[in-house]
PDB file of N, CA and C in Angstrom:
ATOM      1  N   MET A   1     -47.210 -35.266  32.338  1.00  0.00           N
ATOM      2  CA  MET A   1     -45.934 -34.686  32.673  1.00  0.00           C
ATOM      3  C   MET A   1     -45.024 -34.629  31.458  1.00  0.00           C
ATOM      4  N   THR A   2     -45.237 -35.518  30.566  1.00  0.00           N
ATOM      5  CA  THR A   2     -44.416 -35.556  29.374  1.00  0.00           C
ATOM      6  C   THR A   2     -44.650 -34.319  28.520  1.00  0.00           C
ATOM      7  N   THR A   3     -45.883 -33.909  28.366  1.00  0.00           N
ATOM      8  CA  THR A   3     -46.152 -32.711  27.574  1.00  0.00           C
ATOM      9  C   THR A   3     -45.618 -31.475  28.256  1.00  0.00           C
ATOM     10  N   ALA A   4     -45.655 -31.437  29.565  1.00  0.00           N
ATOM     11  CA  ALA A   4     -45.110 -30.291  30.290  1.00  0.00           C
ATOM     12  C   ALA A   4     -43.595 -30.237  30.111  1.00  0.00           C
ATOM     13  N   SER A   5     -42.940 -31.377  30.183  1.00  0.00           N
ATOM     14  CA  SER A   5     -41.487 -31.438  29.988  1.00  0.00           C
ATOM     15  C   SER A   5     -41.130 -31.046  28.563  1.00  0.00           C
ATOM     16  N   THR A   6     -41.916 -31.522  27.620  1.00  0.00           N
ATOM     17  CA  THR A   6     -41.661 -31.196  26.224  1.00  0.00           C
ATOM     18  C   THR A   6     -41.822 -29.705  25.983  1.00  0.00           C
ATOM     19  N   LYS A   7     -42.847 -29.116  26.577  1.00  0.00           N
ATOM     20  CA  LYS A   7     -43.063 -27.674  26.421  1.00  0.00           C
ATOM     21  C   LYS A   7     -41.906 -26.885  27.030  1.00  0.00           C
ATOM     22  N   VAL A   8     -41.424 -27.324  28.177  1.00  0.00           N
ATOM     23  CA  VAL A   8     -40.300 -26.646  28.829  1.00  0.00           C
ATOM     24  C   VAL A   8     -39.061 -26.732  27.945  1.00  0.00           C
ATOM     25  N   PHE A   9     -38.810 -27.924  27.424  1.00  0.00           N
ATOM     26  CA  PHE A   9     -37.640 -28.089  26.556  1.00  0.00           C
ATOM     27  C   PHE A   9     -37.789 -27.280  25.267  1.00  0.00           C
ATOM     28  N   ASP A  10     -38.997 -27.236  24.724  1.00  0.00           N
ATOM     29  CA  ASP A  10     -39.248 -26.419  23.530  1.00  0.00           C
ATOM     30  C   ASP A  10     -39.003 -24.943  23.825  1.00  0.00           C
ATOM     31  N   GLU A  11     -39.462 -24.488  24.964  1.00  0.00           N
ATOM     32  CA  GLU A  11     -39.259 -23.088  25.352  1.00  0.00           C
ATOM     33  C   GLU A  11     -37.775 -22.791  25.561  1.00  0.00           C
ATOM     34  N   ILE A  12     -37.078 -23.715  26.183  1.00  0.00           N
ATOM     35  CA  ILE A  12     -35.628 -23.535  26.393  1.00  0.00           C
ATOM     36  C   ILE A  12     -34.912 -23.513  25.043  1.00  0.00           C
ATOM     37  N   ALA A  13     -35.316 -24.384  24.125  1.00  0.00           N
ATOM     38  CA  ALA A  13     -34.695 -24.419  22.795  1.00  0.00           C
ATOM     39  C   ALA A  13     -34.950 -23.111  22.055  1.00  0.00           C
ATOM     40  N   LYS A  14     -36.176 -22.589  22.135  1.00  0.00           N
ATOM     41  CA  LYS A  14     -36.488 -21.302  21.496  1.00  0.00           C
ATOM     42  C   LYS A  14     -35.665 -20.182  22.109  1.00  0.00           C
ATOM     43  N   LEU A  15     -35.568 -20.201  23.436  1.00  0.00           N
ATOM     44  CA  LEU A  15     -34.794 -19.183  24.138  1.00  0.00           C
ATOM     45  C   LEU A  15     -33.328 -19.226  23.722  1.00  0.00           C
ATOM     46  N   MET A  16     -32.770 -20.423  23.620  1.00  0.00           N
ATOM     47  CA  MET A  16     -31.368 -20.576  23.209  1.00  0.00           C
ATOM     48  C   MET A  16     -31.165 -20.114  21.769  1.00  0.00           C
ATOM     49  N   THR A  17     -32.115 -20.462  20.904  1.00  0.00           N
ATOM     50  CA  THR A  17     -32.026 -20.044  19.505  1.00  0.00           C
ATOM     51  C   THR A  17     -32.075 -18.528  19.399  1.00  0.00           C
ATOM     52  N   ASN A  18     -33.002 -17.924  20.130  1.00  0.00           N
ATOM     53  CA  ASN A  18     -33.108 -16.464  20.117  1.00  0.00           C
ATOM     54  C   ASN A  18     -31.859 -15.811  20.701  1.00  0.00           C
ATOM     55  N   ALA A  19     -31.320 -16.397  21.762  1.00  0.00           N
ATOM     56  CA  ALA A  19     -30.110 -15.854  22.381  1.00  0.00           C
ATOM     57  C   ALA A  19     -28.929 -15.952  21.421  1.00  0.00           C
ATOM     58  N   ALA A  20     -28.835 -17.083  20.720  1.00  0.00           N
ATOM     59  CA  ALA A  20     -27.740 -17.250  19.755  1.00  0.00           C
ATOM     60  C   ALA A  20     -27.877 -16.242  18.621  1.00  0.00           C
ATOM     61  N   GLY A  21     -29.105 -16.039  18.150  1.00  0.00           N
ATOM     62  CA  GLY A  21     -29.328 -15.060  17.087  1.00  0.00           C
ATOM     63  C   GLY A  21     -29.006 -13.653  17.547  1.00  0.00           C
ATOM     64  N   ALA A  22     -29.397 -13.329  18.778  1.00  0.00           N
ATOM     65  CA  ALA A  22     -29.109 -12.002  19.328  1.00  0.00           C
ATOM     66  C   ALA A  22     -27.607 -11.812  19.499  1.00  0.00           C
ATOM     67  N   ALA A  23     -26.928 -12.856  19.977  1.00  0.00           N
ATOM     68  CA  ALA A  23     -25.472 -12.771  20.155  1.00  0.00           C
ATOM     69  C   ALA A  23     -24.778 -12.592  18.814  1.00  0.00           C
ATOM     70  N   GLN A  24     -25.260 -13.282  17.801  1.00  0.00           N
ATOM     71  CA  GLN A  24     -24.661 -13.158  16.472  1.00  0.00           C
ATOM     72  C   GLN A  24     -24.888 -11.753  15.914  1.00  0.00           C
ATOM     73  N   GLY A  25     -26.088 -11.223  16.116  1.00  0.00           N
ATOM     74  CA  GLY A  25     -26.379  -9.863  15.667  1.00  0.00           C
ATOM     75  C   GLY A  25     -25.522  -8.842  16.392  1.00  0.00           C
ATOM     76  N   ALA A  26     -25.353  -9.042  17.703  1.00  0.00           N
ATOM     77  CA  ALA A  26     -24.515  -8.139  18.490  1.00  0.00           C
ATOM     78  C   ALA A  26     -23.067  -8.217  18.023  1.00  0.00           C
ATOM     79  N   ARG A  27     -22.616  -9.416  17.712  1.00  0.00           N
ATOM     80  CA  ARG A  27     -21.239  -9.591  17.234  1.00  0.00           C
ATOM     81  C   ARG A  27     -21.019  -8.828  15.931  1.00  0.00           C
ATOM     82  N   LYS A  28     -21.970  -8.949  15.003  1.00  0.00           N
ATOM     83  CA  LYS A  28     -21.842  -8.237  13.731  1.00  0.00           C
ATOM     84  C   LYS A  28     -21.829  -6.732  13.945  1.00  0.00           C
ATOM     85  N   GLU A  29     -22.668  -6.261  14.856  1.00  0.00           N
ATOM     86  CA  GLU A  29     -22.724  -4.830  15.132  1.00  0.00           C
ATOM     87  C   GLU A  29     -21.420  -4.342  15.757  1.00  0.00           C
ATOM     88  N   ILE A  30     -20.873  -5.122  16.681  1.00  0.00           N
ATOM     89  CA  ILE A  30     -19.598  -4.760  17.308  1.00  0.00           C
ATOM     90  C   ILE A  30     -18.484  -4.773  16.272  1.00  0.00           C
ATOM     91  N   ASP A  31     -18.458  -5.775  15.407  1.00  0.00           N
ATOM     92  CA  ASP A  31     -17.450  -5.828  14.339  1.00  0.00           C
ATOM     93  C   ASP A  31     -17.514  -4.578  13.470  1.00  0.00           C
ATOM     94  N   THR A  32     -18.721  -4.169  13.113  1.00  0.00           N
ATOM     95  CA  THR A  32     -18.898  -2.981  12.278  1.00  0.00           C
ATOM     96  C   THR A  32     -18.405  -1.732  13.000  1.00  0.00           C
ATOM     97  N   LEU A  33     -18.747  -1.605  14.278  1.00  0.00           N
ATOM     98  CA  LEU A  33     -18.309  -0.439  15.047  1.00  0.00           C
ATOM     99  C   LEU A  33     -16.790  -0.393  15.184  1.00  0.00           C
ATOM    100  N   VAL A  34     -16.182  -1.536  15.472  1.00  0.00           N
ATOM    101  CA  VAL A  34     -14.721  -1.589  15.618  1.00  0.00           C
ATOM    102  C   VAL A  34     -14.051  -1.241  14.295  1.00  0.00           C
ATOM    103  N   LYS A  35     -14.556  -1.802  13.206  1.00  0.00           N
ATOM    104  CA  LYS A  35     -13.981  -1.517  11.890  1.00  0.00           C
ATOM    105  C   LYS A  35     -14.087  -0.028  11.565  1.00  0.00           C
ATOM    106  N   THR A  36     -15.227   0.573  11.870  1.00  0.00           N
ATOM    107  CA  THR A  36     -15.417   2.001  11.620  1.00  0.00           C
ATOM    108  C   THR A  36     -14.426   2.825  12.429  1.00  0.00           C
ATOM    109  N   GLN A  37     -14.242   2.470  13.694  1.00  0.00           N
ATOM    110  CA  GLN A  37     -13.306   3.205  14.543  1.00  0.00           C
ATOM    111  C   GLN A  37     -11.871   3.059  14.041  1.00  0.00           C
ATOM    112  N   ILE A  38     -11.503   1.858  13.640  1.00  0.00           N
ATOM    113  CA  ILE A  38     -10.143   1.638  13.132  1.00  0.00           C
ATOM    114  C   ILE A  38      -9.913   2.451  11.865  1.00  0.00           C
ATOM    115  N   GLU A  39     -10.877   2.456  10.957  1.00  0.00           N
ATOM    116  CA  GLU A  39     -10.746   3.246   9.731  1.00  0.00           C
ATOM    117  C   GLU A  39     -10.619   4.727  10.052  1.00  0.00           C
ATOM    118  N   ARG A  40     -11.378   5.204  11.028  1.00  0.00           N
ATOM    119  CA  ARG A  40     -11.309   6.613  11.416  1.00  0.00           C
ATOM    120  C   ARG A  40      -9.920   6.951  11.957  1.00  0.00           C
ATOM    121  N   VAL A  41      -9.383   6.084  12.806  1.00  0.00           N
ATOM    122  CA  VAL A  41      -8.050   6.319  13.374  1.00  0.00           C
ATOM    123  C   VAL A  41      -6.995   6.308  12.271  1.00  0.00           C
ATOM    124  N   LEU A  42      -7.080   5.344  11.363  1.00  0.00           N
ATOM    125  CA  LEU A  42      -6.098   5.265  10.275  1.00  0.00           C
ATOM    126  C   LEU A  42      -6.183   6.487   9.369  1.00  0.00           C
ATOM    127  N   ASN A  43      -7.378   6.974   9.114  1.00  0.00           N
ATOM    128  CA  ASN A  43      -7.525   8.184   8.304  1.00  0.00           C
ATOM    129  C   ASN A  43      -6.946   9.391   9.022  1.00  0.00           C
ATOM    130  N   ASP A  44      -7.126   9.467  10.336  1.00  0.00           N
ATOM    131  CA  ASP A  44      -6.560  10.576  11.106  1.00  0.00           C
ATOM    132  C   ASP A  44      -5.038  10.533  11.092  1.00  0.00           C
ATOM    133  N   LEU A  45      -4.473   9.329  11.064  1.00  0.00           N
ATOM    134  CA  LEU A  45      -3.017   9.187  11.035  1.00  0.00           C
ATOM    135  C   LEU A  45      -2.446   9.353   9.632  1.00  0.00           C
ATOM    136  N   GLU A  46      -3.323   9.513   8.648  1.00  0.00           N
ATOM    137  CA  GLU A  46      -2.939   9.684   7.243  1.00  0.00           C
ATOM    138  C   GLU A  46      -2.090   8.519   6.737  1.00  0.00           C
ATOM    139  N   ILE A  47      -2.471   7.323   7.103  1.00  0.00           N
ATOM    140  CA  ILE A  47      -1.790   6.122   6.624  1.00  0.00           C
ATOM    141  C   ILE A  47      -2.333   5.798   5.240  1.00  0.00           C
ATOM    142  N   VAL A  48      -1.423   5.513   4.306  1.00  0.00           N
ATOM    143  CA  VAL A  48      -1.849   5.250   2.932  1.00  0.00           C
ATOM    144  C   VAL A  48      -2.462   3.864   2.815  1.00  0.00           C
ATOM    145  N   LYS A  49      -3.327   3.731   1.825  1.00  0.00           N
ATOM    146  CA  LYS A  49      -3.940   2.433   1.557  1.00  0.00           C
ATOM    147  C   LYS A  49      -2.949   1.568   0.797  1.00  0.00           C
ATOM    148  N   ARG A  50      -3.134   0.289   0.867  1.00  0.00           N
ATOM    149  CA  ARG A  50      -2.220  -0.657   0.226  1.00  0.00           C
ATOM    150  C   ARG A  50      -2.141  -0.428  -1.274  1.00  0.00           C
ATOM    151  N   GLU A  51      -3.284  -0.136  -1.907  1.00  0.00           N
ATOM    152  CA  GLU A  51      -3.300   0.083  -3.356  1.00  0.00           C
ATOM    153  C   GLU A  51      -2.428   1.278  -3.720  1.00  0.00           C
ATOM    154  N   GLU A  52      -2.522   2.358  -2.921  1.00  0.00           N
ATOM    155  CA  GLU A  52      -1.705   3.542  -3.184  1.00  0.00           C
ATOM    156  C   GLU A  52      -0.225   3.225  -2.995  1.00  0.00           C
ATOM    157  N   PHE A  53       0.088   2.468  -1.945  1.00  0.00           N
ATOM    158  CA  PHE A  53       1.472   2.094  -1.681  1.00  0.00           C
ATOM    159  C   PHE A  53       2.048   1.277  -2.827  1.00  0.00           C
ATOM    160  N   GLU A  54       1.279   0.303  -3.303  1.00  0.00           N
ATOM    161  CA  GLU A  54       1.742  -0.545  -4.402  1.00  0.00           C
ATOM    162  C   GLU A  54       1.952   0.279  -5.670  1.00  0.00           C
ATOM    163  N   ALA A  55       1.074   1.253  -5.929  1.00  0.00           N
ATOM    164  CA  ALA A  55       1.216   2.096  -7.118  1.00  0.00           C
ATOM    165  C   ALA A  55       2.507   2.906  -7.043  1.00  0.00           C
ATOM    166  N   VAL A  56       2.788   3.490  -5.889  1.00  0.00           N
ATOM    167  CA  VAL A  56       4.017   4.278  -5.727  1.00  0.00           C
ATOM    168  C   VAL A  56       5.243   3.377  -5.803  1.00  0.00           C
ATOM    169  N   LYS A  57       5.131   2.172  -5.272  1.00  0.00           N
ATOM    170  CA  LYS A  57       6.238   1.212  -5.327  1.00  0.00           C
ATOM    171  C   LYS A  57       6.579   0.874  -6.777  1.00  0.00           C
ATOM    172  N   GLU A  58       5.550   0.656  -7.600  1.00  0.00           N
ATOM    173  CA  GLU A  58       5.772   0.373  -9.025  1.00  0.00           C
ATOM    174  C   GLU A  58       6.399   1.577  -9.729  1.00  0.00           C
ATOM    175  N   MET A  59       5.931   2.779  -9.386  1.00  0.00           N
ATOM    176  CA  MET A  59       6.499   3.984  -9.996  1.00  0.00           C
ATOM    177  C   MET A  59       7.975   4.126  -9.636  1.00  0.00           C
ATOM    178  N   ALA A  60       8.321   3.837  -8.390  1.00  0.00           N
ATOM    179  CA  ALA A  60       9.715   3.931  -7.957  1.00  0.00           C
ATOM    180  C   ALA A  60      10.581   2.906  -8.679  1.00  0.00           C
ATOM    181  N   ALA A  61      10.074   1.701  -8.860  1.00  0.00           N
ATOM    182  CA  ALA A  61      10.833   0.664  -9.570  1.00  0.00           C
ATOM    183  C   ALA A  61      11.069   1.080 -11.016  1.00  0.00           C
ATOM    184  N   LYS A  62      10.049   1.638 -11.646  1.00  0.00           N
ATOM    185  CA  LYS A  62      10.190   2.094 -13.028  1.00  0.00           C
ATOM    186  C   LYS A  62      11.202   3.239 -13.113  1.00  0.00           C
ATOM    187  N   ALA A  63      11.150   4.157 -12.156  1.00  0.00           N
ATOM    188  CA  ALA A  63      12.095   5.276 -12.141  1.00  0.00           C
ATOM    189  C   ALA A  63      13.527   4.770 -11.954  1.00  0.00           C
ATOM    190  N   ARG A  64      13.714   3.747 -11.098  1.00  0.00           N
ATOM    191  CA  ARG A  64      15.058   3.177 -10.914  1.00  0.00           C
ATOM    192  C   ARG A  64      15.567   2.561 -12.209  1.00  0.00           C
ATOM    193  N   GLU A  65      14.686   1.843 -12.918  1.00  0.00           N
ATOM    194  CA  GLU A  65      15.090   1.238 -14.193  1.00  0.00           C
ATOM    195  C   GLU A  65      15.493   2.315 -15.194  1.00  0.00           C
ATOM    196  N   GLU A  66      14.698   3.374 -15.281  1.00  0.00           N
ATOM    197  CA  GLU A  66      15.024   4.464 -16.200  1.00  0.00           C
ATOM    198  C   GLU A  66      16.328   5.131 -15.787  1.00  0.00           C
ATOM    199  N   ASN A  67      16.538   5.296 -14.486  1.00  0.00           N
ATOM    200  CA  ASN A  67      17.756   5.914 -13.977  1.00  0.00           C
ATOM    201  C   ASN A  67      18.978   5.068 -14.323  1.00  0.00           C
ATOM    202  N   ASP A  68      18.859   3.746 -14.181  1.00  0.00           N
ATOM    203  CA  ASP A  68      19.968   2.860 -14.533  1.00  0.00           C
ATOM    204  C   ASP A  68      20.291   2.961 -16.022  1.00  0.00           C
ATOM    205  N   GLY A  69      19.253   3.014 -16.848  1.00  0.00           N
ATOM    206  CA  GLY A  69      19.457   3.145 -18.291  1.00  0.00           C
ATOM    207  C   GLY A  69      20.135   4.454 -18.648  1.00  0.00           C
ATOM    208  N   LEU A  70      19.693   5.533 -18.010  1.00  0.00           N
ATOM    209  CA  LEU A  70      20.303   6.840 -18.277  1.00  0.00           C
ATOM    210  C   LEU A  70      21.743   6.893 -17.772  1.00  0.00           C
ATOM    211  N   ALA A  71      22.019   6.254 -16.642  1.00  0.00           N
ATOM    212  CA  ALA A  71      23.389   6.227 -16.122  1.00  0.00           C
ATOM    213  C   ALA A  71      24.310   5.488 -17.089  1.00  0.00           C
ATOM    214  N   ALA A  72      23.831   4.393 -17.652  1.00  0.00           N
ATOM    215  CA  ALA A  72      24.636   3.648 -18.624  1.00  0.00           C
ATOM    216  C   ALA A  72      24.867   4.490 -19.875  1.00  0.00           C
ATOM    217  N   ARG A  73      23.842   5.191 -20.286  1.00  0.00           N
ATOM    218  CA  ARG A  73      23.966   6.046 -21.477  1.00  0.00           C
ATOM    219  C   ARG A  73      24.964   7.178 -21.236  1.00  0.00           C
ATOM    220  N   ILE A  74      24.922   7.777 -20.062  1.00  0.00           N
ATOM    221  CA  ILE A  74      25.874   8.842 -19.720  1.00  0.00           C
ATOM    222  C   ILE A  74      27.290   8.287 -19.703  1.00  0.00           C
ATOM    223  N   ALA A  75      27.462   7.093 -19.154  1.00  0.00           N
ATOM    224  CA  ALA A  75      28.793   6.478 -19.105  1.00  0.00           C
ATOM    225  C   ALA A  75      29.328   6.256 -20.516  1.00  0.00           C
ATOM    226  N   GLU A  76      28.458   5.807 -21.426  1.00  0.00           N
ATOM    227  CA  GLU A  76      28.887   5.618 -22.817  1.00  0.00           C
ATOM    228  C   GLU A  76      29.282   6.944 -23.456  1.00  0.00           C
ATOM    229  N   LEU A  77      28.502   7.975 -23.220  1.00  0.00           N
ATOM    230  CA  LEU A  77      28.818   9.289 -23.792  1.00  0.00           C
ATOM    231  C   LEU A  77      30.115   9.845 -23.216  1.00  0.00           C
ATOM    232  N   GLU A  78      30.324   9.670 -21.916  1.00  0.00           N
ATOM    233  CA  GLU A  78      31.565  10.139 -21.306  1.00  0.00           C
ATOM    234  C   GLU A  78      32.759   9.368 -21.857  1.00  0.00           C
ATOM    235  N   LYS A  79      32.578   8.083 -22.072  1.00  0.00           N
ATOM    236  CA  LYS A  79      33.651   7.267 -22.630  1.00  0.00           C
ATOM    237  C   LYS A  79      33.969   7.732 -24.049  1.00  0.00           C
ATOM    238  N   ALA A  80      32.946   8.074 -24.808  1.00  0.00           N
ATOM    239  CA  ALA A  80      33.145   8.525 -26.183  1.00  0.00           C
ATOM    240  C   ALA A  80      33.849   9.874 -26.228  1.00  0.00           C
ATOM    241  N   THR A  81      33.613  10.740 -25.272  1.00  0.00           N
ATOM    242  CA  THR A  81      34.243  12.062 -25.285  1.00  0.00           C
ATOM    243  C   THR A  81      35.661  12.034 -24.752  1.00  0.00           C
ATOM    244  N   LYS A  82      36.100  10.954 -24.134  1.00  0.00           N
ATOM    245  CA  LYS A  82      37.456  10.869 -23.599  1.00  0.00           C
ATOM    246  C   LYS A  82      38.458  10.359 -24.621  1.00  0.00           C
ATOM    247  N   LYS A  83      38.023  10.163 -25.844  1.00  0.00           N
ATOM    248  CA  LYS A  83      38.957   9.749 -26.891  1.00  0.00           C
ATOM    249  C   LYS A  83      39.957  10.880 -27.113  1.00  0.00           C
ATOM    250  N   PRO A  84      41.179  10.523 -27.494  1.00  0.00           N
ATOM    251  CA  PRO A  84      42.183  11.574 -27.693  1.00  0.00           C
ATOM    252  C   PRO A  84      41.738  12.583 -28.755  1.00  0.00           C
ATOM    253  N   VAL A  85      41.842  13.809 -28.397  1.00  0.00           N
ATOM    254  CA  VAL A  85      41.471  14.892 -29.310  1.00  0.00           C
ATOM    255  C   VAL A  85      42.739  15.661 -29.628  1.00  0.00           C
ATOM    256  N   ARG A  86      42.935  15.956 -30.910  1.00  0.00           N
ATOM    257  CA  ARG A  86      44.116  16.705 -31.324  1.00  0.00           C
ATOM    258  C   ARG A  86      43.954  18.142 -30.882  1.00  0.00           C
ATOM    259  N   LYS A  87      44.920  18.595 -30.131  1.00  0.00           N
ATOM    260  CA  LYS A  87      44.840  19.957 -29.623  1.00  0.00           C
ATOM    261  C   LYS A  87      45.315  20.921 -30.694  1.00  0.00           C
ATOM    262  N   VAL A  88      44.642  22.014 -30.771  1.00  0.00           N
ATOM    263  CA  VAL A  88      45.003  23.063 -31.720  1.00  0.00           C
ATOM    264  C   VAL A  88      45.758  24.125 -30.946  1.00  0.00           C
ATOM    265  N   ALA A  89      46.920  24.506 -31.492  1.00  0.00           N
ATOM    266  CA  ALA A  89      47.735  25.510 -30.821  1.00  0.00           C
ATOM    267  C   ALA A  89      47.062  26.863 -30.927  1.00  0.00           C
ATOM    268  N   LYS A  90      47.122  27.592 -29.840  1.00  0.00           N
ATOM    269  CA  LYS A  90      46.533  28.927 -29.832  1.00  0.00           C
ATOM    270  C   LYS A  90      47.520  29.892 -30.472  1.00  0.00           C
ATOM    271  N   LYS A  91      46.981  30.778 -31.264  1.00  0.00           N
ATOM    272  CA  LYS A  91      47.820  31.814 -31.870  1.00  0.00           C
ATOM    273  C   LYS A  91      47.964  32.939 -30.874  1.00  0.00           C
ATOM    274  N   THR A  92      49.170  33.425 -30.784  1.00  0.00           N
ATOM    275  CA  THR A  92      49.399  34.553 -29.889  1.00  0.00           C
ATOM    276  C   THR A  92      49.472  35.811 -30.719  1.00  0.00           C
ATOM    277  N   VAL A  93      48.863  36.812 -30.213  1.00  0.00           N
ATOM    278  CA  VAL A  93      48.851  38.099 -30.909  1.00  0.00           C
ATOM    279  C   VAL A  93      49.745  39.033 -30.127  1.00  0.00           C
ATOM    280  N   LYS A  94      50.687  39.657 -30.883  1.00  0.00           N
ATOM    281  CA  LYS A  94      51.594  40.589 -30.228  1.00  0.00           C
ATOM    282  C   LYS A  94      50.984  41.973 -30.262  1.00  0.00           C
ATOM    283  N   LYS A  95      51.128  42.652 -29.150  1.00  0.00           N
ATOM    284  CA  LYS A  95      50.642  44.025 -29.081  1.00  0.00           C
ATOM    285  C   LYS A  95      51.751  44.954 -29.533  1.00  0.00           C
ATOM    286  N   ASN A  96      51.377  45.949 -30.269  1.00  0.00           N
ATOM    287  CA  ASN A  96      52.357  46.932 -30.746  1.00  0.00           C
ATOM    288  C   ASN A  96      52.641  47.967 -29.746  1.00  0.00           C
TER     289      ASN A  96
END
């Protein structure tokens, strides 16, 4: 009876091992299918990838820095042109 019990337990252990392996394989397959579907939906919605977003974010930050520099430069130029300028009197021409 001991060998019969051992064989039954061995068979149950093999069955459980195979079931666990099958469940793990099914899980991986489901994960792959779900990931594929999510990527398809995101592509249909035209959502940008994180790398693209970060690149545009850096470009915008650089543009803001350049804009601030140019604004300061314009302010300096405007300040320089507001210095008092000696006005020249216009000559009037008389018509005969």
